[in-house]
Every structure is written in C-alpha cells, then in structure tokens.
C-alpha atoms as a PDB file:
ATOM      1  CA  UNK A   1      80.592  95.575  89.095  1.00  0.00           C
ATOM      2  CA  UNK A   2      80.680  95.219  92.874  1.00  0.00           C
ATOM      3  CA  UNK A   3      82.716  97.357  95.234  1.00  0.00           C
ATOM      4  CA  UNK A   4      84.405  95.960  98.316  1.00  0.00           C
ATOM      5  CA  UNK A   5      85.763  98.029 101.185  1.00  0.00           C
ATOM      6  CA  UNK A   6      88.613  97.012 103.473  1.00  0.00           C
ATOM      7  CA  UNK A   7      87.379  97.520 107.023  1.00  0.00           C
ATOM      8  CA  UNK A   8      90.935  98.078 108.234  1.00  0.00           C
ATOM      9  CA  UNK A   9      92.227 100.868 105.984  1.00  0.00           C
ATOM     10  CA  UNK A  10      89.230 101.825 103.841  1.00  0.00           C
ATOM     11  CA  UNK A  11      90.680 100.677 100.510  1.00  0.00           C
ATOM     12  CA  UNK A  12      87.988 100.192  97.830  1.00  0.00           C
ATOM     13  CA  UNK A  13      88.288  97.223  95.473  1.00  0.00           C
ATOM     14  CA  UNK A  14      86.154  96.904  92.354  1.00  0.00           C
ATOM     15  CA  UNK A  15      85.377  93.372  91.205  1.00  0.00           C
ATOM     16  CA  UNK A  16      83.042  90.435  91.546  1.00  0.00           C
ATOM     17  CA  UNK A  17      85.018  89.128  94.527  1.00  0.00           C
ATOM     18  CA  UNK A  18      87.223  90.834  97.139  1.00  0.00           C
ATOM     19  CA  UNK A  19      90.990  90.408  96.716  1.00  0.00           C
ATOM     20  CA  UNK A  20      92.778  87.689  98.675  1.00  0.00           C
ATOM     21  CA  UNK A  21      94.781  90.392 100.422  1.00  0.00           C
ATOM     22  CA  UNK A  22      94.386  94.146 100.707  1.00  0.00           C
ATOM     23  CA  UNK A  23      97.088  95.772  98.541  1.00  0.00           C
ATOM     24  CA  UNK A  24      97.299  98.710 100.935  1.00  0.00           C
ATOM     25  CA  UNK A  25      97.361  97.310 104.476  1.00  0.00           C
ATOM     26  CA  UNK A  26      97.760  93.581 103.832  1.00  0.00           C
ATOM     27  CA  UNK A  27      94.510  92.606 105.561  1.00  0.00           C
ATOM     28  CA  UNK A  28      92.982  89.214 104.768  1.00  0.00           C
ATOM     29  CA  UNK A  29      90.091  88.721 102.325  1.00  0.00           C
ATOM     30  CA  UNK A  30      87.719  88.356 105.259  1.00  0.00           C
ATOM     31  CA  UNK A  31      88.298  92.014 106.176  1.00  0.00           C
ATOM     32  CA  UNK A  32      86.425  93.191 103.073  1.00  0.00           C
ATOM     33  CA  UNK A  33      82.737  94.067 103.124  1.00  0.00           C
ATOM     34  CA  UNK A  34      80.446  94.688 100.189  1.00  0.00           C
ATOM     35  CA  UNK A  35      79.707  98.364  99.614  1.00  0.00           C
ATOM     36  CA  UNK A  36      76.000  98.882  99.171  1.00  0.00           C
ATOM     37  CA  UNK A  37      75.065 101.426  96.512  1.00  0.00           C
ATOM     38  CA  UNK A  38      72.877 104.095  98.085  1.00  0.00           C
ATOM     39  CA  UNK A  39      70.515 106.544  96.368  1.00  0.00           C
ATOM     40  CA  UNK A  40      71.948 109.955  95.587  1.00  0.00           C
ATOM     41  CA  UNK A  41      69.314 111.575  97.805  1.00  0.00           C
ATOM     42  CA  UNK A  42      70.599 109.675 100.826  1.00  0.00           C
ATOM     43  CA  UNK A  43      74.120 110.857 100.119  1.00  0.00           C
ATOM     44  CA  UNK A  44      73.000 114.500  99.862  1.00  0.00           C
ATOM     45  CA  UNK A  45      71.177 114.275 103.178  1.00  0.00           C
ATOM     46  CA  UNK A  46      74.349 113.056 104.858  1.00  0.00           C
ATOM     47  CA  UNK A  47      76.571 115.846 103.557  1.00  0.00           C
ATOM     48  CA  UNK A  48      75.666 118.096 106.472  1.00  0.00           C
ATOM     49  CA  UNK A  49      76.644 115.458 109.008  1.00  0.00           C
ATOM     50  CA  UNK A  50      80.036 115.396 110.648  1.00  0.00           C
ATOM     51  CA  UNK A  51      82.253 112.874 108.923  1.00  0.00           C
ATOM     52  CA  UNK A  52      82.203 109.670 110.911  1.00  0.00           C
ATOM     53  CA  UNK A  53      85.668 108.553 111.873  1.00  0.00           C
ATOM     54  CA  UNK A  54      85.769 104.761 111.587  1.00  0.00           C
ATOM     55  CA  UNK A  55      88.655 104.815 114.031  1.00  0.00           C
ATOM     56  CA  UNK A  56      86.312 105.796 116.847  1.00  0.00           C
ATOM     57  CA  UNK A  57      83.116 103.753 116.462  1.00  0.00           C
ATOM     58  CA  UNK A  58      80.252 105.092 118.508  1.00  0.00           C
ATOM     59  CA  UNK A  59      79.508 101.966 120.483  1.00  0.00           C
ATOM     60  CA  UNK A  60      79.790 100.743 124.029  1.00  0.00           C
ATOM     61  CA  UNK A  61      83.270  99.360 123.463  1.00  0.00           C
ATOM     62  CA  UNK A  62      84.742 102.782 122.679  1.00  0.00           C
ATOM     63  CA  UNK A  63      87.314 103.641 125.377  1.00  0.00           C
ATOM     64  CA  UNK A  64      86.494 106.654 127.511  1.00  0.00           C
ATOM     65  CA  UNK A  65      88.322 108.799 129.996  1.00  0.00           C
ATOM     66  CA  UNK A  66      91.116 111.400 129.899  1.00  0.00           C
ATOM     67  CA  UNK A  67      93.700 109.083 128.335  1.00  0.00           C
ATOM     68  CA  UNK A  68      91.310 107.932 125.603  1.00  0.00           C
ATOM     69  CA  UNK A  69      90.492 111.546 124.824  1.00  0.00           C
ATOM     70  CA  UNK A  70      94.210 112.363 124.725  1.00  0.00           C
ATOM     71  CA  UNK A  71      94.886 109.607 122.199  1.00  0.00           C
ATOM     72  CA  UNK A  72      91.925 110.750 120.109  1.00  0.00           C
ATOM     73  CA  UNK A  73      93.425 114.220 119.974  1.00  0.00           C
ATOM     74  CA  UNK A  74      96.781 112.773 118.928  1.00  0.00           C
ATOM     75  CA  UNK A  75      95.114 111.058 115.993  1.00  0.00           C
ATOM     76  CA  UNK A  76      92.823 113.964 115.164  1.00  0.00           C
ATOM     77  CA  UNK A  77      95.704 116.432 114.937  1.00  0.00           C
ATOM     78  CA  UNK A  78      98.040 114.025 113.121  1.00  0.00           C
ATOM     79  CA  UNK A  79     100.684 113.634 115.820  1.00  0.00           C
ATOM     80  CA  UNK A  80     102.288 110.633 114.122  1.00  0.00           C
ATOM     81  CA  UNK A  81     102.841 112.208 110.685  1.00  0.00           C
ATOM     82  CA  UNK A  82     104.333 115.275 112.369  1.00  0.00           C
ATOM     83  CA  UNK A  83     106.553 113.236 114.686  1.00  0.00           C
ATOM     84  CA  UNK A  84     107.850 110.953 111.953  1.00  0.00           C
ATOM     85  CA  UNK A  85     109.067 113.925 109.921  1.00  0.00           C
ATOM     86  CA  UNK A  86     111.819 114.487 112.497  1.00  0.00           C
ATOM     87  CA  UNK A  87     113.761 111.235 111.947  1.00  0.00           C
ATOM     88  CA  UNK A  88     112.812 111.141 108.260  1.00  0.00           C
ATOM     89  CA  UNK A  89     114.426 114.531 107.766  1.00  0.00           C
ATOM     90  CA  UNK A  90     117.305 114.334 110.219  1.00  0.00           C
ATOM     91  CA  UNK A  91     118.425 110.747 109.585  1.00  0.00           C
ATOM     92  CA  UNK A  92     119.542 111.217 105.948  1.00  0.00           C
ATOM     93  CA  UNK A  93     121.362 114.379 106.986  1.00  0.00           C
ATOM     94  CA  UNK A  94     123.217 112.479 109.704  1.00  0.00           C
ATOM     95  CA  UNK A  95     124.258 109.793 107.218  1.00  0.00           C
ATOM     96  CA  UNK A  96     125.504 112.388 104.721  1.00  0.00           C
ATOM     97  CA  UNK A  97     127.468 114.180 107.435  1.00  0.00           C
ATOM     98  CA  UNK A  98     128.985 110.875 108.567  1.00  0.00           C
ATOM     99  CA  UNK A  99     130.250 110.110 105.069  1.00  0.00           C
ATOM    100  CA  UNK A 100     131.680 113.617 104.682  1.00  0.00           C
ATOM    101  CA  UNK A 101     133.344 113.360 108.096  1.00  0.00           C
ATOM    102  CA  UNK A 102     135.006 110.035 107.302  1.00  0.00           C
ATOM    103  CA  UNK A 103     136.069 110.662 103.722  1.00  0.00           C
ATOM    104  CA  UNK A 104     137.392 114.150 104.466  1.00  0.00           C
ATOM    105  CA  UNK A 105     138.603 113.385 108.007  1.00  0.00           C
ATOM    106  CA  UNK A 106     136.463 116.194 109.380  1.00  0.00           C
ATOM    107  CA  UNK A 107     135.726 116.095 113.128  1.00  0.00           C
ATOM    108  CA  UNK A 108     133.292 118.999 112.727  1.00  0.00           C
ATOM    109  CA  UNK A 109     131.064 117.059 110.359  1.00  0.00           C
ATOM    110  CA  UNK A 110     131.500 114.072 112.651  1.00  0.00           C
ATOM    111  CA  UNK A 111     130.087 116.053 115.561  1.00  0.00           C
ATOM    112  CA  UNK A 112     127.191 117.227 113.400  1.00  0.00           C
ATOM    113  CA  UNK A 113     126.465 113.646 112.335  1.00  0.00           C
ATOM    114  CA  UNK A 114     126.595 112.442 115.934  1.00  0.00           C
ATOM    115  CA  UNK A 115     124.221 115.098 117.266  1.00  0.00           C
ATOM    116  CA  UNK A 116     121.780 114.491 114.429  1.00  0.00           C
ATOM    117  CA  UNK A 117     121.825 110.745 115.101  1.00  0.00           C
ATOM    118  CA  UNK A 118     121.123 111.407 118.768  1.00  0.00           C
ATOM    119  CA  UNK A 119     118.171 113.574 117.726  1.00  0.00           C
ATOM    120  CA  UNK A 120     116.839 110.660 115.681  1.00  0.00           C
ATOM    121  CA  UNK A 121     117.091 108.335 118.673  1.00  0.00           C
ATOM    122  CA  UNK A 122     115.357 110.823 120.976  1.00  0.00           C
ATOM    123  CA  UNK A 123     112.527 111.303 118.478  1.00  0.00           C
ATOM    124  CA  UNK A 124     111.857 107.604 117.899  1.00  0.00           C
ATOM    125  CA  UNK A 125     109.927 106.890 121.147  1.00  0.00           C
ATOM    126  CA  UNK A 126     107.404 109.594 120.210  1.00  0.00           C
ATOM    127  CA  UNK A 127     107.249 108.273 116.648  1.00  0.00           C
ATOM    128  CA  UNK A 128     106.579 104.728 117.842  1.00  0.00           C
ATOM    129  CA  UNK A 129     104.064 105.748 120.502  1.00  0.00           C
ATOM    130  CA  UNK A 130     102.074 108.005 118.175  1.00  0.00           C
ATOM    131  CA  UNK A 131     102.223 105.287 115.519  1.00  0.00           C
ATOM    132  CA  UNK A 132     100.747 102.719 117.899  1.00  0.00           C
ATOM    133  CA  UNK A 133      98.009 105.193 118.837  1.00  0.00           C
ATOM    134  CA  UNK A 134      97.165 105.760 115.167  1.00  0.00           C
ATOM    135  CA  UNK A 135      97.194 102.011 114.522  1.00  0.00           C
ATOM    136  CA  UNK A 136      94.732 101.434 117.348  1.00  0.00           C
ATOM    137  CA  UNK A 137      92.494 104.407 116.611  1.00  0.00           C
ATOM    138  CA  UNK A 138      92.447 104.533 112.820  1.00  0.00           C
ATOM    139  CA  UNK A 139      92.917 100.868 111.972  1.00  0.00           C
ATOM    140  CA  UNK A 140      91.325  99.139 114.938  1.00  0.00           C
ATOM    141  CA  UNK A 141      94.584  97.581 116.121  1.00  0.00           C
ATOM    142  CA  UNK A 142      94.447  94.972 113.348  1.00  0.00           C
ATOM    143  CA  UNK A 143      97.875  93.357 113.008  1.00  0.00           C
ATOM    144  CA  UNK A 144      98.507  92.861 109.303  1.00  0.00           C
ATOM    145  CA  UNK A 145     101.786  92.315 107.475  1.00  0.00           C
ATOM    146  CA  UNK A 146     102.025  96.033 106.682  1.00  0.00           C
ATOM    147  CA  UNK A 147     101.715  97.143 110.300  1.00  0.00           C
ATOM    148  CA  UNK A 148     104.023  94.397 111.527  1.00  0.00           C
ATOM    149  CA  UNK A 149     106.636  95.515 109.006  1.00  0.00           C
ATOM    150  CA  UNK A 150     106.288  99.134 110.106  1.00  0.00           C
ATOM    151  CA  UNK A 151     106.742  98.169 113.765  1.00  0.00           C
ATOM    152  CA  UNK A 152     109.840  96.128 112.943  1.00  0.00           C
ATOM    153  CA  UNK A 153     111.272  98.995 110.896  1.00  0.00           C
ATOM    154  CA  UNK A 154     110.698 101.420 113.761  1.00  0.00           C
ATOM    155  CA  UNK A 155     112.398  99.070 116.220  1.00  0.00           C
ATOM    156  CA  UNK A 156     115.398  98.660 113.899  1.00  0.00           C
ATOM    157  CA  UNK A 157     115.779 102.432 113.524  1.00  0.00           C
ATOM    158  CA  UNK A 158     115.474 102.906 117.291  1.00  0.00           C
ATOM    159  CA  UNK A 159     118.102 100.280 118.139  1.00  0.00           C
ATOM    160  CA  UNK A 160     120.446 101.273 115.308  1.00  0.00           C
ATOM    161  CA  UNK A 161     120.313 104.979 116.131  1.00  0.00           C
ATOM    162  CA  UNK A 162     121.036 104.178 119.784  1.00  0.00           C
ATOM    163  CA  UNK A 163     123.974 101.980 118.812  1.00  0.00           C
ATOM    164  CA  UNK A 164     125.435 104.584 116.468  1.00  0.00           C
ATOM    165  CA  UNK A 165     124.959 107.352 119.037  1.00  0.00           C
ATOM    166  CA  UNK A 166     126.840 105.328 121.642  1.00  0.00           C
ATOM    167  CA  UNK A 167     129.559 104.541 119.089  1.00  0.00           C
ATOM    168  CA  UNK A 168     129.963 108.244 118.315  1.00  0.00           C
ATOM    169  CA  UNK A 169     130.319 109.047 122.029  1.00  0.00           C
ATOM    170  CA  UNK A 170     132.678 106.168 122.825  1.00  0.00           C
ATOM    171  CA  UNK A 171     134.880 106.587 119.747  1.00  0.00           C
ATOM    172  CA  UNK A 172     134.627 110.074 118.229  1.00  0.00           C
ATOM    173  CA  UNK A 173     137.973 109.514 116.500  1.00  0.00           C
ATOM    174  CA  UNK A 174     136.330 106.961 114.186  1.00  0.00           C
ATOM    175  CA  UNK A 175     136.215 109.643 111.473  1.00  0.00           C
ATOM    176  CA  UNK A 176     139.981 110.085 111.531  1.00  0.00           C
ATOM    177  CA  UNK A 177     141.278 106.549 111.971  1.00  0.00           C
ATOM    178  CA  UNK A 178     141.949 104.217 109.066  1.00  0.00           C
ATOM    179  CA  UNK A 179     140.614 100.850 110.159  1.00  0.00           C
ATOM    180  CA  UNK A 180     138.123  98.180 109.206  1.00  0.00           C
ATOM    181  CA  UNK A 181     135.757  99.535 111.807  1.00  0.00           C
ATOM    182  CA  UNK A 182     135.135 102.578 109.654  1.00  0.00           C
ATOM    183  CA  UNK A 183     133.652 100.401 106.925  1.00  0.00           C
ATOM    184  CA  UNK A 184     131.316  98.729 109.413  1.00  0.00           C
ATOM    185  CA  UNK A 185     130.431 102.159 110.760  1.00  0.00           C
ATOM    186  CA  UNK A 186     129.454 103.397 107.299  1.00  0.00           C
ATOM    187  CA  UNK A 187     127.539 100.226 106.442  1.00  0.00           C
ATOM    188  CA  UNK A 188     125.397 100.628 109.557  1.00  0.00           C
ATOM    189  CA  UNK A 189     124.682 104.220 108.550  1.00  0.00           C
ATOM    190  CA  UNK A 190     123.488 103.053 105.144  1.00  0.00           C
ATOM    191  CA  UNK A 191     121.578 100.146 106.672  1.00  0.00           C
ATOM    192  CA  UNK A 192     119.562 102.360 109.010  1.00  0.00           C
ATOM    193  CA  UNK A 193     118.190 104.265 106.032  1.00  0.00           C
ATOM    194  CA  UNK A 194     116.520 101.145 104.607  1.00  0.00           C
ATOM    195  CA  UNK A 195     113.908 100.528 107.348  1.00  0.00           C
ATOM    196  CA  UNK A 196     113.207 104.263 107.573  1.00  0.00           C
ATOM    197  CA  UNK A 197     112.497 104.437 103.837  1.00  0.00           C
ATOM    198  CA  UNK A 198     110.398 101.260 103.890  1.00  0.00           C
ATOM    199  CA  UNK A 199     108.305 102.465 106.830  1.00  0.00           C
ATOM    200  CA  UNK A 200     107.721 105.778 105.072  1.00  0.00           C
ATOM    201  CA  UNK A 201     106.690 104.008 101.871  1.00  0.00           C
ATOM    202  CA  UNK A 202     104.187 101.794 103.697  1.00  0.00           C
ATOM    203  CA  UNK A 203     102.858 104.784 105.610  1.00  0.00           C
ATOM    204  CA  UNK A 204     102.324 106.604 102.339  1.00  0.00           C
ATOM    205  CA  UNK A 205     100.289 103.682 101.004  1.00  0.00           C
ATOM    206  CA  UNK A 206      98.056 103.840 104.070  1.00  0.00           C
ATOM    207  CA  UNK A 207      97.544 107.593 103.845  1.00  0.00           C
ATOM    208  CA  UNK A 208      97.137 107.680 100.064  1.00  0.00           C
ATOM    209  CA  UNK A 209      95.626 104.309  99.095  1.00  0.00           C
ATOM    210  CA  UNK A 210      95.763 104.030  95.314  1.00  0.00           C
ATOM    211  CA  UNK A 211      93.000 102.039  93.669  1.00  0.00           C
ATOM    212  CA  UNK A 212      94.885 101.713  90.403  1.00  0.00           C
ATOM    213  CA  UNK A 213      97.390  98.874  89.798  1.00  0.00           C
END
C-alpha cells in the first residue's frame, strides 16, 4: 500500500491514490507526494541530524534578515498557540459574565464581562499576526479552505469583540434595562463563541492530524 504526504500540513494518507482533498488542511490532491520507503539503515543514520523544519526550506528563496529571523523565532517558540489561549480562555468567561449580569441585573458582573471582552479585542491582533506568521512559515502560505476559514473566524471575533466592547462603553446600563436590545446583545455574545470554537477545532486538526477516519 502506498503512502502519500500532504506537502502543506504533513498529513500521511495510505492508499493506492492520494485523496481528492486533504482531510486536515483542505489542500488539493495535487499537494500530495508519494512517500518513498527508505531502508532502515538510512533512517538510523539520520537520527542524529537536527529535525528539518519543512516550514523553513534551506534554499535560496528562504527569507533572510532580522525580521525573517524574528518570525522564525515566533514559530519556533509557538507564539500563536500561546497567544490564542488568551481569547479562547477569556471569551467564554466574558459571555458567562454577560448572561449573569443581564439575568440577575448585576452591574458588577457587567463590568467584568466588559473588561474581559476588551481583553479579547486587544489580544486578537497578536493572535491574527502570529497566526499569519505560522501559516507562512509552517504551511508555506498555501491558502486552502481550512486556512481561509480560520482567517474569517479570526476577523469575525475581532470585529464582534470590538463592537461589543464599544456597546458596553456606550450603554453600560444594558444589563439593567428591559428592552429588545438585550436579546440582540446576548445573541451577539453567543454568536462570537461560534467562530472562536471553529477556529480552535481547525487549529487542533492541524496540530494533531489524525490519520484514522
């Protein structure tokens, strides 16, 4: 049985032909290359070598200079996974606080929800930037459906968190007033969770590509 490797994310497919689309990153069939079986001796000889990072191919097209080195360090030390933990952890807390504030008419929880939402907004530029760096360095800047979806999700979270932060500042009494706007306010809070969860799910597939169905 042949093995095919996705040149974008490294997913290994076993079969006579490569899949029409990579189940991990969504890359086209043309992105797969046949994995040549190598003798065990060759593999042992390579164990002492530094693991080659496919994100930084050693060729003449590799970017150089201080900025390129900076982005390499961001990828090497996992800046994006660390950065994305901020909104992933704080955003659900902000939504929970918002619901408590509205249903129990609690300005204190409203303030907590507002400050947490502002923290999400402030963290998103770093999340997006480090994500773009990882996409370029680790995946060669290949725009597949998975990466496009992640970028859209990040943009939605950024815009939604900004809108909710402004709403909190302009109308802090939203937690105490009985009006139709409160329902819209809560729906937006629930809505913003969806792209954050989806982006996290897709990111998990890229980091932990499963070869089983």
